[in-house]
C-alpha atoms as a PDB file:
ATOM      1  CA  UNK A   1      79.525-103.728 -64.278  1.00  0.00           C
ATOM      2  CA  UNK A   2      75.750-103.185 -64.026  1.00  0.00           C
ATOM      3  CA  UNK A   3      73.957-104.960 -61.219  1.00  0.00           C
ATOM      4  CA  UNK A   4      72.130-108.063 -62.490  1.00  0.00           C
ATOM      5  CA  UNK A   5      69.072-109.620 -60.929  1.00  0.00           C
ATOM      6  CA  UNK A   6      70.132-113.078 -59.761  1.00  0.00           C
ATOM      7  CA  UNK A   7      68.339-115.076 -62.448  1.00  0.00           C
ATOM      8  CA  UNK A   8      69.580-118.465 -63.611  1.00  0.00           C
ATOM      9  CA  UNK A   9      71.136-116.768 -66.651  1.00  0.00           C
ATOM     10  CA  UNK A  10      72.926-114.146 -64.532  1.00  0.00           C
ATOM     11  CA  UNK A  11      74.205-116.801 -62.111  1.00  0.00           C
ATOM     12  CA  UNK A  12      75.572-118.710 -65.095  1.00  0.00           C
ATOM     13  CA  UNK A  13      77.274-115.541 -66.310  1.00  0.00           C
ATOM     14  CA  UNK A  14      78.857-115.077 -62.883  1.00  0.00           C
ATOM     15  CA  UNK A  15      80.030-118.698 -62.857  1.00  0.00           C
ATOM     16  CA  UNK A  16      81.689-118.205 -66.252  1.00  0.00           C
ATOM     17  CA  UNK A  17      83.439-115.082 -64.952  1.00  0.00           C
ATOM     18  CA  UNK A  18      84.797-117.060 -61.988  1.00  0.00           C
ATOM     19  CA  UNK A  19      86.080-119.760 -64.333  1.00  0.00           C
ATOM     20  CA  UNK A  20      87.952-117.067 -66.279  1.00  0.00           C
ATOM     21  CA  UNK A  21      89.680-115.811 -63.131  1.00  0.00           C
ATOM     22  CA  UNK A  22      87.447-112.769 -62.623  1.00  0.00           C
ATOM     23  CA  UNK A  23      85.849-111.636 -59.355  1.00  0.00           C
ATOM     24  CA  UNK A  24      82.099-111.457 -58.732  1.00  0.00           C
ATOM     25  CA  UNK A  25      79.856-110.114 -55.979  1.00  0.00           C
ATOM     26  CA  UNK A  26      76.986-112.226 -54.700  1.00  0.00           C
ATOM     27  CA  UNK A  27      74.514-112.287 -51.799  1.00  0.00           C
ATOM     28  CA  UNK A  28      74.662-114.538 -48.784  1.00  0.00           C
ATOM     29  CA  UNK A  29      72.383-114.630 -45.753  1.00  0.00           C
ATOM     30  CA  UNK A  30      74.976-112.557 -43.853  1.00  0.00           C
ATOM     31  CA  UNK A  31      76.412-109.849 -46.170  1.00  0.00           C
ATOM     32  CA  UNK A  32      77.343-109.604 -49.856  1.00  0.00           C
ATOM     33  CA  UNK A  33      80.587-111.399 -50.703  1.00  0.00           C
ATOM     34  CA  UNK A  34      83.299-110.617 -53.244  1.00  0.00           C
ATOM     35  CA  UNK A  35      84.260-114.001 -54.633  1.00  0.00           C
ATOM     36  CA  UNK A  36      87.045-115.596 -56.640  1.00  0.00           C
ATOM     37  CA  UNK A  37      88.043-119.139 -57.526  1.00  0.00           C
ATOM     38  CA  UNK A  38      89.762-120.275 -54.332  1.00  0.00           C
ATOM     39  CA  UNK A  39      92.009-122.610 -56.344  1.00  0.00           C
ATOM     40  CA  UNK A  40      93.443-119.747 -58.438  1.00  0.00           C
ATOM     41  CA  UNK A  41      95.969-117.546 -56.631  1.00  0.00           C
ATOM     42  CA  UNK A  42      95.933-114.886 -59.377  1.00  0.00           C
ATOM     43  CA  UNK A  43      92.149-114.602 -59.144  1.00  0.00           C
ATOM     44  CA  UNK A  44      92.272-114.380 -55.346  1.00  0.00           C
ATOM     45  CA  UNK A  45      94.859-111.596 -55.639  1.00  0.00           C
ATOM     46  CA  UNK A  46      92.221-109.551 -57.501  1.00  0.00           C
ATOM     47  CA  UNK A  47      89.986-109.747 -54.417  1.00  0.00           C
ATOM     48  CA  UNK A  48      92.764-108.395 -52.195  1.00  0.00           C
ATOM     49  CA  UNK A  49      93.502-105.620 -54.710  1.00  0.00           C
ATOM     50  CA  UNK A  50      89.838-104.608 -55.112  1.00  0.00           C
ATOM     51  CA  UNK A  51      89.379-104.389 -51.348  1.00  0.00           C
ATOM     52  CA  UNK A  52      92.837-102.957 -50.627  1.00  0.00           C
ATOM     53  CA  UNK A  53      92.999-105.767 -48.076  1.00  0.00           C
ATOM     54  CA  UNK A  54      96.196-106.659 -46.203  1.00  0.00           C
ATOM     55  CA  UNK A  55      97.470-110.044 -47.349  1.00  0.00           C
ATOM     56  CA  UNK A  56      98.051-111.304 -43.820  1.00  0.00           C
ATOM     57  CA  UNK A  57      94.255-111.312 -43.338  1.00  0.00           C
ATOM     58  CA  UNK A  58      92.947-114.710 -44.573  1.00  0.00           C
ATOM     59  CA  UNK A  59      89.698-115.282 -46.454  1.00  0.00           C
ATOM     60  CA  UNK A  60      86.756-117.600 -45.867  1.00  0.00           C
ATOM     61  CA  UNK A  61      86.199-120.293 -48.478  1.00  0.00           C
ATOM     62  CA  UNK A  62      82.559-120.956 -49.383  1.00  0.00           C
ATOM     63  CA  UNK A  63      81.555-124.524 -50.189  1.00  0.00           C
ATOM     64  CA  UNK A  64      78.160-126.168 -50.717  1.00  0.00           C
ATOM     65  CA  UNK A  65      78.243-128.602 -47.792  1.00  0.00           C
ATOM     66  CA  UNK A  66      80.229-130.627 -45.277  1.00  0.00           C
ATOM     67  CA  UNK A  67      81.203-133.273 -47.833  1.00  0.00           C
ATOM     68  CA  UNK A  68      82.863-130.627 -50.014  1.00  0.00           C
ATOM     69  CA  UNK A  69      84.563-129.018 -47.002  1.00  0.00           C
ATOM     70  CA  UNK A  70      86.151-132.316 -45.980  1.00  0.00           C
ATOM     71  CA  UNK A  71      88.126-132.248 -49.220  1.00  0.00           C
ATOM     72  CA  UNK A  72      90.091-129.239 -47.953  1.00  0.00           C
ATOM     73  CA  UNK A  73      90.283-129.588 -44.152  1.00  0.00           C
ATOM     74  CA  UNK A  74      90.512-132.136 -41.361  1.00  0.00           C
ATOM     75  CA  UNK A  75      87.307-132.407 -39.302  1.00  0.00           C
ATOM     76  CA  UNK A  76      87.370-133.932 -35.845  1.00  0.00           C
ATOM     77  CA  UNK A  77      84.226-134.922 -33.948  1.00  0.00           C
ATOM     78  CA  UNK A  78      83.713-131.413 -32.552  1.00  0.00           C
ATOM     79  CA  UNK A  79      84.070-129.730 -35.937  1.00  0.00           C
ATOM     80  CA  UNK A  80      81.691-132.214 -37.518  1.00  0.00           C
ATOM     81  CA  UNK A  81      79.144-131.647 -34.742  1.00  0.00           C
ATOM     82  CA  UNK A  82      79.209-127.874 -35.339  1.00  0.00           C
ATOM     83  CA  UNK A  83      78.986-128.242 -39.110  1.00  0.00           C
ATOM     84  CA  UNK A  84      76.016-130.597 -38.829  1.00  0.00           C
ATOM     85  CA  UNK A  85      74.277-128.220 -36.407  1.00  0.00           C
ATOM     86  CA  UNK A  86      74.802-124.955 -38.294  1.00  0.00           C
ATOM     87  CA  UNK A  87      75.507-125.719 -41.971  1.00  0.00           C
ATOM     88  CA  UNK A  88      74.302-124.438 -44.270  1.00  0.00           C
ATOM     89  CA  UNK A  89      74.328-121.237 -42.263  1.00  0.00           C
ATOM     90  CA  UNK A  90      76.305-118.296 -40.893  1.00  0.00           C
ATOM     91  CA  UNK A  91      79.033-120.214 -39.044  1.00  0.00           C
ATOM     92  CA  UNK A  92      82.610-120.323 -40.374  1.00  0.00           C
ATOM     93  CA  UNK A  93      84.992-122.948 -39.032  1.00  0.00           C
ATOM     94  CA  UNK A  94      88.779-122.579 -38.945  1.00  0.00           C
ATOM     95  CA  UNK A  95      90.261-126.046 -39.366  1.00  0.00           C
ATOM     96  CA  UNK A  96      93.606-127.722 -40.066  1.00  0.00           C
ATOM     97  CA  UNK A  97      94.294-127.816 -43.815  1.00  0.00           C
ATOM     98  CA  UNK A  98      94.690-131.207 -45.424  1.00  0.00           C
ATOM     99  CA  UNK A  99      98.251-131.933 -46.515  1.00  0.00           C
ATOM    100  CA  UNK A 100      97.077-132.078 -50.137  1.00  0.00           C
ATOM    101  CA  UNK A 101      94.734-129.070 -49.868  1.00  0.00           C
ATOM    102  CA  UNK A 102      94.583-127.405 -53.328  1.00  0.00           C
ATOM    103  CA  UNK A 103      93.334-124.043 -52.050  1.00  0.00           C
ATOM    104  CA  UNK A 104      95.648-121.172 -53.033  1.00  0.00           C
ATOM    105  CA  UNK A 105      98.081-120.189 -50.262  1.00  0.00           C
ATOM    106  CA  UNK A 106      97.021-116.535 -50.569  1.00  0.00           C
ATOM    107  CA  UNK A 107      93.536-117.509 -49.356  1.00  0.00           C
ATOM    108  CA  UNK A 108      94.905-118.830 -46.065  1.00  0.00           C
ATOM    109  CA  UNK A 109      97.661-116.200 -45.716  1.00  0.00           C
ATOM    110  CA  UNK A 110     100.186-119.041 -45.707  1.00  0.00           C
ATOM    111  CA  UNK A 111      98.759-120.559 -42.526  1.00  0.00           C
ATOM    112  CA  UNK A 112      98.278-124.269 -41.920  1.00  0.00           C
ATOM    113  CA  UNK A 113      94.580-123.637 -41.220  1.00  0.00           C
ATOM    114  CA  UNK A 114      91.658-122.768 -43.473  1.00  0.00           C
ATOM    115  CA  UNK A 115      88.311-121.025 -42.802  1.00  0.00           C
ATOM    116  CA  UNK A 116      85.305-122.739 -44.407  1.00  0.00           C
ATOM    117  CA  UNK A 117      81.587-122.018 -44.587  1.00  0.00           C
ATOM    118  CA  UNK A 118      78.516-123.417 -46.339  1.00  0.00           C
ATOM    119  CA  UNK A 119      76.211-120.432 -46.985  1.00  0.00           C
ATOM    120  CA  UNK A 120      72.459-120.686 -46.479  1.00  0.00           C
ATOM    121  CA  UNK A 121      71.323-118.528 -49.398  1.00  0.00           C
ATOM    122  CA  UNK A 122      69.763-119.833 -52.621  1.00  0.00           C
ATOM    123  CA  UNK A 123      71.811-117.530 -54.865  1.00  0.00           C
ATOM    124  CA  UNK A 124      75.100-118.399 -53.142  1.00  0.00           C
ATOM    125  CA  UNK A 125      74.306-122.111 -53.354  1.00  0.00           C
ATOM    126  CA  UNK A 126      73.265-121.799 -57.015  1.00  0.00           C
ATOM    127  CA  UNK A 127      76.516-119.983 -57.819  1.00  0.00           C
ATOM    128  CA  UNK A 128      78.581-122.672 -56.074  1.00  0.00           C
ATOM    129  CA  UNK A 129      76.765-125.346 -58.072  1.00  0.00           C
ATOM    130  CA  UNK A 130      77.089-123.531 -61.398  1.00  0.00           C
ATOM    131  CA  UNK A 131      80.766-122.676 -60.868  1.00  0.00           C
ATOM    132  CA  UNK A 132      81.637-126.104 -59.430  1.00  0.00           C
ATOM    133  CA  UNK A 133      84.537-124.664 -57.445  1.00  0.00           C
ATOM    134  CA  UNK A 134      85.243-123.408 -53.898  1.00  0.00           C
ATOM    135  CA  UNK A 135      84.755-119.638 -53.742  1.00  0.00           C
ATOM    136  CA  UNK A 136      86.979-117.479 -51.533  1.00  0.00           C
ATOM    137  CA  UNK A 137      84.860-114.498 -50.540  1.00  0.00           C
ATOM    138  CA  UNK A 138      85.260-111.740 -47.967  1.00  0.00           C
ATOM    139  CA  UNK A 139      82.641-108.983 -47.744  1.00  0.00           C
ATOM    140  CA  UNK A 140      82.250-106.966 -50.956  1.00  0.00           C
ATOM    141  CA  UNK A 141      83.533-103.621 -49.693  1.00  0.00           C
ATOM    142  CA  UNK A 142      86.793-101.749 -49.245  1.00  0.00           C
ATOM    143  CA  UNK A 143      88.833-103.159 -46.386  1.00  0.00           C
ATOM    144  CA  UNK A 144      87.844-101.712 -43.014  1.00  0.00           C
ATOM    145  CA  UNK A 145      84.641-100.119 -44.300  1.00  0.00           C
ATOM    146  CA  UNK A 146      80.995-100.912 -43.565  1.00  0.00           C
ATOM    147  CA  UNK A 147      79.951-104.291 -44.949  1.00  0.00           C
ATOM    148  CA  UNK A 148      77.356-104.326 -47.776  1.00  0.00           C
ATOM    149  CA  UNK A 149      73.921-105.819 -47.230  1.00  0.00           C
ATOM    150  CA  UNK A 150      72.437-104.733 -50.585  1.00  0.00           C
ATOM    151  CA  UNK A 151      73.728-104.982 -54.145  1.00  0.00           C
ATOM    152  CA  UNK A 152      73.577-101.184 -54.410  1.00  0.00           C
ATOM    153  CA  UNK A 153      76.105-100.926 -51.560  1.00  0.00           C
ATOM    154  CA  UNK A 154      78.535-103.079 -53.555  1.00  0.00           C
ATOM    155  CA  UNK A 155      78.077-101.042 -56.720  1.00  0.00           C
ATOM    156  CA  UNK A 156      78.560 -97.754 -54.866  1.00  0.00           C
ATOM    157  CA  UNK A 157      81.775 -98.900 -53.224  1.00  0.00           C
ATOM    158  CA  UNK A 158      83.454-101.158 -55.784  1.00  0.00           C
ATOM    159  CA  UNK A 159      81.963 -99.725 -59.005  1.00  0.00           C
ATOM    160  CA  UNK A 160      83.103-101.828 -61.982  1.00  0.00           C
ATOM    161  CA  UNK A 161      85.765-103.920 -60.212  1.00  0.00           C
ATOM    162  CA  UNK A 162      83.567-107.052 -60.017  1.00  0.00           C
ATOM    163  CA  UNK A 163      82.867-108.662 -63.385  1.00  0.00           C
ATOM    164  CA  UNK A 164      79.315-109.356 -62.182  1.00  0.00           C
ATOM    165  CA  UNK A 165      77.241-108.109 -59.221  1.00  0.00           C
ATOM    166  CA  UNK A 166      74.350-110.469 -58.516  1.00  0.00           C
ATOM    167  CA  UNK A 167      71.376-108.812 -56.839  1.00  0.00           C
ATOM    168  CA  UNK A 168      69.582-111.229 -54.525  1.00  0.00           C
ATOM    169  CA  UNK A 169      67.860-108.538 -52.451  1.00  0.00           C
ATOM    170  CA  UNK A 170      68.727-107.397 -48.913  1.00  0.00           C
ATOM    171  CA  UNK A 171      70.661-109.849 -46.753  1.00  0.00           C
ATOM    172  CA  UNK A 172      68.440-111.545 -44.204  1.00  0.00           C
ATOM    173  CA  UNK A 173      70.849-111.472 -41.247  1.00  0.00           C
ATOM    174  CA  UNK A 174      73.008-108.419 -41.893  1.00  0.00           C
ATOM    175  CA  UNK A 175      75.999-109.494 -39.796  1.00  0.00           C
ATOM    176  CA  UNK A 176      78.984-111.508 -40.975  1.00  0.00           C
ATOM    177  CA  UNK A 177      79.303-115.162 -40.022  1.00  0.00           C
ATOM    178  CA  UNK A 178      80.473-116.170 -36.586  1.00  0.00           C
ATOM    179  CA  UNK A 179      83.961-117.687 -36.794  1.00  0.00           C
ATOM    180  CA  UNK A 180      85.062-120.517 -34.501  1.00  0.00           C
ATOM    181  CA  UNK A 181      88.477-122.156 -34.559  1.00  0.00           C
ATOM    182  CA  UNK A 182      88.423-125.923 -34.137  1.00  0.00           C
ATOM    183  CA  UNK A 183      92.077-126.266 -35.089  1.00  0.00           C
ATOM    184  CA  UNK A 184      93.375-126.587 -31.520  1.00  0.00           C
ATOM    185  CA  UNK A 185      92.649-128.609 -28.391  1.00  0.00           C
ATOM    186  CA  UNK A 186      89.418-126.681 -27.697  1.00  0.00           C
ATOM    187  CA  UNK A 187      87.071-124.503 -29.775  1.00  0.00           C
ATOM    188  CA  UNK A 188      87.863-120.771 -29.697  1.00  0.00           C
ATOM    189  CA  UNK A 189      85.570-117.926 -30.756  1.00  0.00           C
ATOM    190  CA  UNK A 190      87.510-115.789 -33.254  1.00  0.00           C
ATOM    191  CA  UNK A 191      84.702-113.507 -34.448  1.00  0.00           C
ATOM    192  CA  UNK A 192      81.273-112.754 -33.065  1.00  0.00           C
ATOM    193  CA  UNK A 193      78.597-112.889 -35.728  1.00  0.00           C
ATOM    194  CA  UNK A 194      75.190-114.008 -36.915  1.00  0.00           C
ATOM    195  CA  UNK A 195      75.186-117.201 -34.824  1.00  0.00           C
ATOM    196  CA  UNK A 196      75.041-116.131 -31.163  1.00  0.00           C
ATOM    197  CA  UNK A 197      77.704-117.493 -28.840  1.00  0.00           C
ATOM    198  CA  UNK A 198      74.998-119.083 -26.661  1.00  0.00           C
ATOM    199  CA  UNK A 199      73.704-121.200 -29.564  1.00  0.00           C
ATOM    200  CA  UNK A 200      77.164-122.616 -30.211  1.00  0.00           C
ATOM    201  CA  UNK A 201      77.746-123.286 -26.518  1.00  0.00           C
ATOM    202  CA  UNK A 202      74.449-125.191 -26.406  1.00  0.00           C
ATOM    203  CA  UNK A 203      75.683-127.538 -29.142  1.00  0.00           C
ATOM    204  CA  UNK A 204      79.133-127.912 -27.585  1.00  0.00           C
ATOM    205  CA  UNK A 205      77.765-128.390 -24.090  1.00  0.00           C
ATOM    206  CA  UNK A 206      80.582-126.173 -22.856  1.00  0.00           C
ATOM    207  CA  UNK A 207      81.634-122.542 -22.611  1.00  0.00           C
ATOM    208  CA  UNK A 208      83.121-121.070 -25.807  1.00  0.00           C
ATOM    209  CA  UNK A 209      86.098-118.861 -24.869  1.00  0.00           C
ATOM    210  CA  UNK A 210      86.968-115.884 -27.017  1.00  0.00           C
ATOM    211  CA  UNK A 211      90.395-115.429 -28.622  1.00  0.00           C
ATOM    212  CA  UNK A 212      92.707-113.009 -26.826  1.00  0.00           C
ATOM    213  CA  UNK A 213      92.922-109.511 -28.265  1.00  0.00           C
ATOM    214  CA  UNK A 214      96.586-109.990 -29.184  1.00  0.00           C
ATOM    215  CA  UNK A 215      96.099-113.430 -30.749  1.00  0.00           C
ATOM    216  CA  UNK A 216      97.581-114.063 -34.192  1.00  0.00           C
ATOM    217  CA  UNK A 217      95.203-113.340 -37.078  1.00  0.00           C
ATOM    218  CA  UNK A 218      93.617-116.656 -38.087  1.00  0.00           C
ATOM    219  CA  UNK A 219      90.387-115.421 -39.690  1.00  0.00           C
ATOM    220  CA  UNK A 220      88.605-112.296 -40.940  1.00  0.00           C
ATOM    221  CA  UNK A 221      87.115-109.946 -38.365  1.00  0.00           C
ATOM    222  CA  UNK A 222      90.006-109.985 -35.891  1.00  0.00           C
ATOM    223  CA  UNK A 223      91.452-106.580 -36.797  1.00  0.00           C
ATOM    224  CA  UNK A 224      90.830-103.949 -34.114  1.00  0.00           C
ATOM    225  CA  UNK A 225      89.749-101.357 -36.702  1.00  0.00           C
ATOM    226  CA  UNK A 226      86.971-102.535 -38.958  1.00  0.00           C
ATOM    227  CA  UNK A 227      83.387-102.001 -40.239  1.00  0.00           C
ATOM    228  CA  UNK A 228      83.851 -98.213 -40.128  1.00  0.00           C
ATOM    229  CA  UNK A 229      81.894 -95.317 -41.653  1.00  0.00           C
ATOM    230  CA  UNK A 230      83.727 -92.059 -42.319  1.00  0.00           C
ATOM    231  CA  UNK A 231      81.681 -90.250 -39.670  1.00  0.00           C
ATOM    232  CA  UNK A 232      82.829 -90.587 -36.047  1.00  0.00           C
ATOM    233  CA  UNK A 233      80.723 -92.786 -33.754  1.00  0.00           C
ATOM    234  CA  UNK A 234      79.831 -91.841 -30.172  1.00  0.00           C
ATOM    235  CA  UNK A 235      78.808 -95.027 -28.395  1.00  0.00           C
ATOM    236  CA  UNK A 236      76.381 -95.567 -25.481  1.00  0.00           C
ATOM    237  CA  UNK A 237      74.761 -92.190 -26.112  1.00  0.00           C
ATOM    238  CA  UNK A 238      71.850 -91.175 -23.889  1.00  0.00           C
ATOM    239  CA  UNK A 239      71.288 -87.875 -25.703  1.00  0.00           C
ATOM    240  CA  UNK A 240      71.893 -86.182 -29.047  1.00  0.00           C
ATOM    241  CA  UNK A 241      74.316 -83.290 -29.376  1.00  0.00           C
ATOM    242  CA  UNK A 242      74.144 -80.456 -31.897  1.00  0.00           C
ATOM    243  CA  UNK A 243      74.894 -81.633 -35.422  1.00  0.00           C
ATOM    244  CA  UNK A 244      74.753 -85.327 -34.613  1.00  0.00           C
ATOM    245  CA  UNK A 245      72.780 -88.100 -36.295  1.00  0.00           C
ATOM    246  CA  UNK A 246      71.265 -90.841 -34.130  1.00  0.00           C
ATOM    247  CA  UNK A 247      71.474 -94.615 -34.409  1.00  0.00           C
ATOM    248  CA  UNK A 248      68.654 -95.526 -32.065  1.00  0.00           C
ATOM    249  CA  UNK A 249      67.478 -98.750 -30.444  1.00  0.00           C
ATOM    250  CA  UNK A 250      64.268 -99.375 -28.555  1.00  0.00           C
ATOM    251  CA  UNK A 251      61.118 -97.337 -27.918  1.00  0.00           C
ATOM    252  CA  UNK A 252      62.662 -94.397 -26.061  1.00  0.00           C
ATOM    253  CA  UNK A 253      64.923 -92.625 -28.551  1.00  0.00           C
ATOM    254  CA  UNK A 254      66.043 -89.086 -27.700  1.00  0.00           C
ATOM    255  CA  UNK A 255      64.927 -86.263 -29.991  1.00  0.00           C
ATOM    256  CA  UNK A 256      66.875 -83.552 -31.786  1.00  0.00           C
ATOM    257  CA  UNK A 257      69.022 -85.568 -34.212  1.00  0.00           C
ATOM    258  CA  UNK A 258      69.893 -84.233 -37.645  1.00  0.00           C
ATOM    259  CA  UNK A 259      68.748 -87.625 -38.917  1.00  0.00           C
ATOM    260  CA  UNK A 260      67.644 -90.664 -36.955  1.00  0.00           C
ATOM    261  CA  UNK A 261      67.336 -94.372 -37.746  1.00  0.00           C
ATOM    262  CA  UNK A 262      65.971 -96.803 -35.174  1.00  0.00           C
ATOM    263  CA  UNK A 263      67.438-100.279 -35.588  1.00  0.00           C
ATOM    264  CA  UNK A 264      64.431-101.760 -33.783  1.00  0.00           C
ATOM    265  CA  UNK A 265      61.756 -99.707 -32.003  1.00  0.00           C
ATOM    266  CA  UNK A 266      60.615-102.941 -30.324  1.00  0.00           C
ATOM    267  CA  UNK A 267      64.153-103.823 -29.074  1.00  0.00           C
ATOM    268  CA  UNK A 268      64.398-106.894 -31.315  1.00  0.00           C
ATOM    269  CA  UNK A 269      68.092-107.770 -31.642  1.00  0.00           C
ATOM    270  CA  UNK A 270      67.620-109.846 -34.815  1.00  0.00           C
ATOM    271  CA  UNK A 271      65.869-106.904 -36.487  1.00  0.00           C
ATOM    272  CA  UNK A 272      68.663-104.600 -35.298  1.00  0.00           C
ATOM    273  CA  UNK A 273      71.383-106.875 -36.679  1.00  0.00           C
ATOM    274  CA  UNK A 274      69.723-107.008 -40.085  1.00  0.00           C
ATOM    275  CA  UNK A 275      69.441-103.209 -40.231  1.00  0.00           C
ATOM    276  CA  UNK A 276      72.832-102.245 -38.748  1.00  0.00           C
ATOM    277  CA  UNK A 277      75.149-101.853 -41.748  1.00  0.00           C
ATOM    278  CA  UNK A 278      72.563-100.239 -44.033  1.00  0.00           C
ATOM    279  CA  UNK A 279      71.729 -97.748 -41.261  1.00  0.00           C
ATOM    280  CA  UNK A 280      75.400 -96.878 -40.723  1.00  0.00           C
ATOM    281  CA  UNK A 281      75.816 -96.250 -44.455  1.00  0.00           C
ATOM    282  CA  UNK A 282      72.743 -94.003 -44.593  1.00  0.00           C
ATOM    283  CA  UNK A 283      73.712 -91.963 -41.536  1.00  0.00           C
ATOM    284  CA  UNK A 284      77.291 -91.697 -42.804  1.00  0.00           C
ATOM    285  CA  UNK A 285      75.964 -89.924 -45.913  1.00  0.00           C
ATOM    286  CA  UNK A 286      73.790 -87.356 -44.126  1.00  0.00           C
ATOM    287  CA  UNK A 287      76.577 -84.893 -43.307  1.00  0.00           C
ATOM    288  CA  UNK A 288      76.348 -85.104 -39.513  1.00  0.00           C
ATOM    289  CA  UNK A 289      79.331 -84.195 -37.339  1.00  0.00           C
ATOM    290  CA  UNK A 290      79.041 -87.552 -35.537  1.00  0.00           C
ATOM    291  CA  UNK A 291      76.696 -90.504 -35.128  1.00  0.00           C
ATOM    292  CA  UNK A 292      75.372 -90.945 -31.596  1.00  0.00           C
ATOM    293  CA  UNK A 293      74.695 -94.643 -30.936  1.00  0.00           C
ATOM    294  CA  UNK A 294      72.278 -95.709 -28.228  1.00  0.00           C
ATOM    295  CA  UNK A 295      73.258 -98.632 -25.966  1.00  0.00           C
ATOM    296  CA  UNK A 296      72.592-102.144 -27.309  1.00  0.00           C
ATOM    297  CA  UNK A 297      72.050-105.013 -24.842  1.00  0.00           C
ATOM    298  CA  UNK A 298      75.192-107.144 -24.791  1.00  0.00           C
ATOM    299  CA  UNK A 299      73.647-110.604 -25.079  1.00  0.00           C
ATOM    300  CA  UNK A 300      72.656-112.832 -27.982  1.00  0.00           C
ATOM    301  CA  UNK A 301      73.098-111.001 -31.289  1.00  0.00           C
ATOM    302  CA  UNK A 302      73.665-107.812 -29.295  1.00  0.00           C
ATOM    303  CA  UNK A 303      77.153-109.077 -28.470  1.00  0.00           C
ATOM    304  CA  UNK A 304      78.021-109.177 -32.190  1.00  0.00           C
ATOM    305  CA  UNK A 305      76.355-105.812 -32.870  1.00  0.00           C
ATOM    306  CA  UNK A 306      78.402-104.206 -30.103  1.00  0.00           C
ATOM    307  CA  UNK A 307      81.560-105.835 -31.434  1.00  0.00           C
ATOM    308  CA  UNK A 308      80.976-104.206 -34.851  1.00  0.00           C
ATOM    309  CA  UNK A 309      80.201-100.818 -33.302  1.00  0.00           C
ATOM    310  CA  UNK A 310      83.264-100.880 -31.057  1.00  0.00           C
ATOM    311  CA  UNK A 311      85.572-101.744 -33.958  1.00  0.00           C
ATOM    312  CA  UNK A 312      83.965 -99.050 -36.104  1.00  0.00           C
ATOM    313  CA  UNK A 313      84.454 -96.473 -33.345  1.00  0.00           C
ATOM    314  CA  UNK A 314      88.140 -97.418 -32.947  1.00  0.00           C
ATOM    315  CA  UNK A 315      88.758 -96.692 -36.623  1.00  0.00           C
ATOM    316  CA  UNK A 316      88.863 -93.008 -35.801  1.00  0.00           C
END
C-alpha cells in the first residue's frame, strides 16, 4: 500500500479499511501504530500475524478520551486522577476489564485487565472519530524490532501488509507510551516511556514502584528482548573501536566512527528520545560491525531511553 498523506480523505479511507476488518498504520505522538478494530478478533489477529507477535503479549487499545475508556474498564479514583492528568497523552493505563467489556479477548491475551490510552495526536484522534471504534494498536513494526517514528519506517518494514499507511510526519516524542497498572492495590510501573516516572509520582504524591523482572506479562514492553536493530550494541562506550558506528550523546563525542549520529549535542533528553529509534535504524543500515552507544543519564526520559537500549542489546 502506498503511503498516504494524512488528509481528511485519506483518514476516511483508513477508517473504511478498519470497518472492513483490515489493518492500518497511523501516527501518534509516541511512535507509529498498527491498528485494527479492537472489537473484531479476526482483524486483531491480522495485527499479530503482520508483526509476528506472540499472542501472550497484549495490545493497547486507543480511545478518544476518558469517557470512552470507561466503557471498557473500571476506573478507581487513582486511575481517574492519572487519566485526567495525562490524557490525551503518552500514558497507557492497565485496568480491570468491565464484566461486559466487548473488546476481543485476543487484544487482552485472555487476561482480566485491559490497557487503554487516549493519544495526543491530531491524526490519531481524527482516525478514532472517523472510525468510531476502539483501535487496538501496537507499534507498526515486526515484533522485537526498532519501533517506527516515520511513515517510511513502516513501509520499509511492513511493505503492503497494512491496507493504508497514514503519513503524519515524524513522531514528536519518539518513545512508546509509559504503561502503569492501576489494576491492583497500588499503581505499578510496567513500562518506562514518554511520560517520565517523576511526573507520574508527582501526580500520585507517592513513589511509583516498577514491576519485577519476572512479573507476568500484563502489557506491551515487558519482554526482555525488544526494540532491537540487527547490528550489535555496545553500551556505555567511552571510545569507538575499529569498524563501529557511534550513537553519541552530548558535546564530547569520541572520533573515529564509521558513521556517527548524536542524539543531542546539547544533552537534551527530550531531543534524544525523539531521535533514538530513527538513529538506530540509520546506524543499523550503515554496515558497521557494532554500534557503540555513549552513556545516557539515567533520570527523566533518560531512564526510558536506557530501558530501550538495554533491551535492544539483550536481543543479541
